[in-house]
Amino acid sequence: MFGKKKQPPIRTLIGEGTRIEGRLAFTEGLRIDGEVHGDVVAQGDTVSVLVISEKARVCGKVKAGHVIINGTVEGPVVAEELLELQPKARIVGNVRYESLEMHQGATIDGELHPLRSEAATSSVAAASEESPGGGAASLKLASNNG
């Protein structure tokens, strides 16, 4: 609608019963229903979407523009635009995101860090170094729904 980027098509599917070992790089859209042991990373500057379905398992780093998780990820997750955690999502690792949508039932065993706060934190730290008596505070969030 207003200012929203068009969702890219999902052109690649890692089907249920398939196991991939090694780094997986993709462009546009990827859906994983199987198992990946290695990093799953979107390449290029184009809009990307990664769907990790309820049956899927990824052991490695996950990075894309729009990440939708309803399965298991063991490793860090970076969503440069939007991270959607559906009810059966389970993440063991730190999460960085621009925007977050988390449904009831989703779990994260790690730290949550908004990407925009990293830029703000570095600006605050630089400002506090320049002004006497200035200081910066940080907030660490963790969810343990086990």
Protein backbone atom coordinates (compact mmCIF):
# COMPACT_ATOMS: atom_id res chain seq x y z
CA MET A 1 0.00 0.00 0.00
CA PHE A 2 1.61 3.30 1.13
CA GLY A 3 5.41 3.11 0.99
CA LYS A 4 5.37 -0.66 1.28
CA LYS A 5 7.78 -2.61 -0.90
CA LYS A 6 6.34 -5.33 -3.09
CA GLN A 7 6.96 -8.82 -1.69
CA PRO A 8 9.31 -10.80 -3.97
CA PRO A 9 8.15 -14.17 -5.29
CA ILE A 10 9.34 -17.35 -3.60
CA ARG A 11 11.33 -19.00 -6.36
CA THR A 12 13.11 -21.71 -4.37
CA LEU A 13 11.84 -24.43 -2.05
CA ILE A 14 13.85 -26.72 0.21
CA GLY A 15 11.28 -29.49 0.55
CA GLU A 16 10.36 -31.57 3.56
CA GLY A 17 12.72 -34.54 3.90
CA THR A 18 15.59 -32.61 2.28
CA ARG A 19 18.77 -31.91 4.26
CA ILE A 20 21.34 -29.39 3.05
CA GLU A 21 24.78 -28.98 4.61
CA GLY A 22 26.72 -25.80 3.91
CA ARG A 23 26.08 -22.11 3.33
CA LEU A 24 22.92 -21.30 1.38
CA ALA A 25 22.79 -17.94 -0.44
CA PHE A 26 19.64 -16.81 -2.24
CA THR A 27 17.99 -13.83 -3.91
CA GLU A 28 14.33 -12.79 -3.81
CA GLY A 29 12.37 -15.54 -2.03
CA LEU A 30 13.19 -18.87 -0.37
CA ARG A 31 10.97 -21.27 1.58
CA ILE A 32 12.48 -23.97 3.77
CA ASP A 33 10.38 -26.99 4.76
CA GLY A 34 13.40 -29.28 5.28
CA GLU A 35 16.64 -29.02 7.22
CA VAL A 36 19.65 -26.76 6.62
CA HIS A 37 22.92 -27.11 8.52
CA GLY A 38 24.74 -23.90 7.63
CA ASP A 39 24.05 -20.21 7.16
CA VAL A 40 21.03 -19.05 5.11
CA VAL A 41 21.72 -15.57 3.78
CA ALA A 42 19.98 -13.31 1.23
CA GLN A 43 22.40 -11.77 -1.26
CA GLY A 44 22.35 -8.44 -3.02
CA ASP A 45 20.49 -5.24 -2.32
CA THR A 46 17.12 -6.42 -3.59
CA VAL A 47 14.08 -7.08 -1.40
CA SER A 48 14.20 -10.61 0.00
CA VAL A 49 11.87 -12.93 1.89
CA LEU A 50 12.77 -16.10 3.78
CA VAL A 51 10.09 -18.47 5.09
CA ILE A 52 11.08 -21.15 7.60
CA SER A 53 8.01 -23.34 7.92
CA GLU A 54 6.69 -25.26 10.91
CA LYS A 55 8.46 -28.45 9.78
CA ALA A 56 11.79 -26.73 9.03
CA ARG A 57 15.00 -26.60 11.05
CA VAL A 58 17.97 -24.31 10.40
CA CYS A 59 21.25 -24.68 12.32
CA GLY A 60 23.23 -21.57 11.40
CA LYS A 61 22.93 -17.85 10.84
CA VAL A 62 19.75 -16.56 9.18
CA LYS A 63 19.77 -13.19 7.42
CA ALA A 64 17.26 -11.62 5.00
CA GLY A 65 15.09 -8.55 4.58
CA HIS A 66 11.76 -10.14 5.59
CA VAL A 67 12.07 -13.29 7.72
CA ILE A 68 9.05 -15.42 8.60
CA ILE A 69 9.69 -18.23 11.09
CA ASN A 70 7.31 -20.94 12.27
CA GLY A 71 9.96 -23.66 12.71
CA THR A 72 13.26 -23.95 14.59
CA VAL A 73 16.39 -21.84 14.17
CA GLU A 74 19.55 -22.56 16.14
CA GLY A 75 21.76 -19.56 15.48
CA PRO A 76 21.57 -15.79 15.16
CA VAL A 77 18.73 -14.20 13.18
CA VAL A 78 18.96 -10.85 11.37
CA ALA A 79 15.86 -9.35 9.72
CA GLU A 80 16.80 -6.12 7.96
CA GLU A 81 13.14 -5.13 7.47
CA LEU A 82 10.59 -7.32 9.26
CA LEU A 83 10.79 -10.42 11.47
CA GLU A 84 7.56 -12.41 11.83
CA LEU A 85 7.58 -15.05 14.54
CA GLN A 86 4.58 -17.30 14.14
CA PRO A 87 3.11 -19.44 16.98
CA LYS A 88 5.44 -22.45 16.61
CA ALA A 89 8.63 -20.44 16.06
CA ARG A 90 11.58 -21.41 18.24
CA ILE A 91 14.87 -19.49 18.11
CA VAL A 92 17.97 -20.36 20.09
CA GLY A 93 20.28 -17.43 19.40
CA ASN A 94 20.41 -13.66 19.35
CA VAL A 95 17.91 -11.76 17.22
CA ARG A 96 18.37 -8.41 15.43
CA TYR A 97 15.45 -6.83 13.60
CA GLU A 98 14.12 -3.59 12.13
CA SER A 99 10.46 -4.42 12.93
CA LEU A 100 9.14 -7.36 14.94
CA GLU A 101 5.82 -9.19 14.92
CA MET A 102 5.64 -11.99 17.48
CA HIS A 103 2.66 -14.30 17.92
CA GLN A 104 1.71 -15.97 21.18
CA GLY A 105 3.57 -19.27 21.54
CA ALA A 106 6.76 -18.20 19.75
CA THR A 107 9.91 -18.51 21.87
CA ILE A 108 13.35 -16.92 21.80
CA ASP A 109 16.25 -18.14 23.89
CA GLY A 110 18.64 -15.24 23.29
CA GLU A 111 18.83 -11.48 23.18
CA LEU A 112 16.61 -9.13 21.16
CA HIS A 113 18.23 -6.06 19.59
CA PRO A 114 16.39 -3.61 17.30
CA LEU A 115 18.67 -2.58 14.42
CA ARG A 116 17.73 1.10 14.69
CA SER A 117 18.83 1.16 18.35
CA GLU A 118 22.38 0.25 17.29
CA ALA A 119 22.63 3.49 15.30
CA ALA A 120 20.98 5.47 18.10
CA THR A 121 23.27 3.90 20.73
CA SER A 122 26.39 4.81 18.77
CA SER A 123 25.08 8.39 18.35
CA VAL A 124 24.33 8.68 22.08
CA ALA A 125 27.75 7.26 22.96
CA ALA A 126 29.46 9.75 20.63
CA ALA A 127 27.43 12.62 22.11
CA SER A 128 28.21 11.56 25.69
CA GLU A 129 31.93 11.48 24.90
CA GLU A 130 31.71 15.07 23.62
CA SER A 131 29.66 16.50 26.51
CA PRO A 132 30.90 16.34 30.11
CA GLY A 133 28.66 14.43 32.50
CA GLY A 134 26.78 12.74 29.64
CA GLY A 135 26.05 9.08 29.83
CA ALA A 136 24.26 6.36 27.96
CA ALA A 137 22.21 3.50 29.28
CA SER A 138 21.54 0.27 27.47
CA LEU A 139 18.69 -2.20 27.79
CA LYS A 140 19.12 -5.93 27.39
CA LEU A 141 15.97 -7.99 26.72
CA ALA A 142 15.72 -11.73 27.00
CA SER A 143 12.73 -14.01 26.70
CA ASN A 144 12.66 -17.37 28.41
CA ASN A 145 9.30 -19.02 27.91
CA GLY A 146 10.56 -22.51 28.66
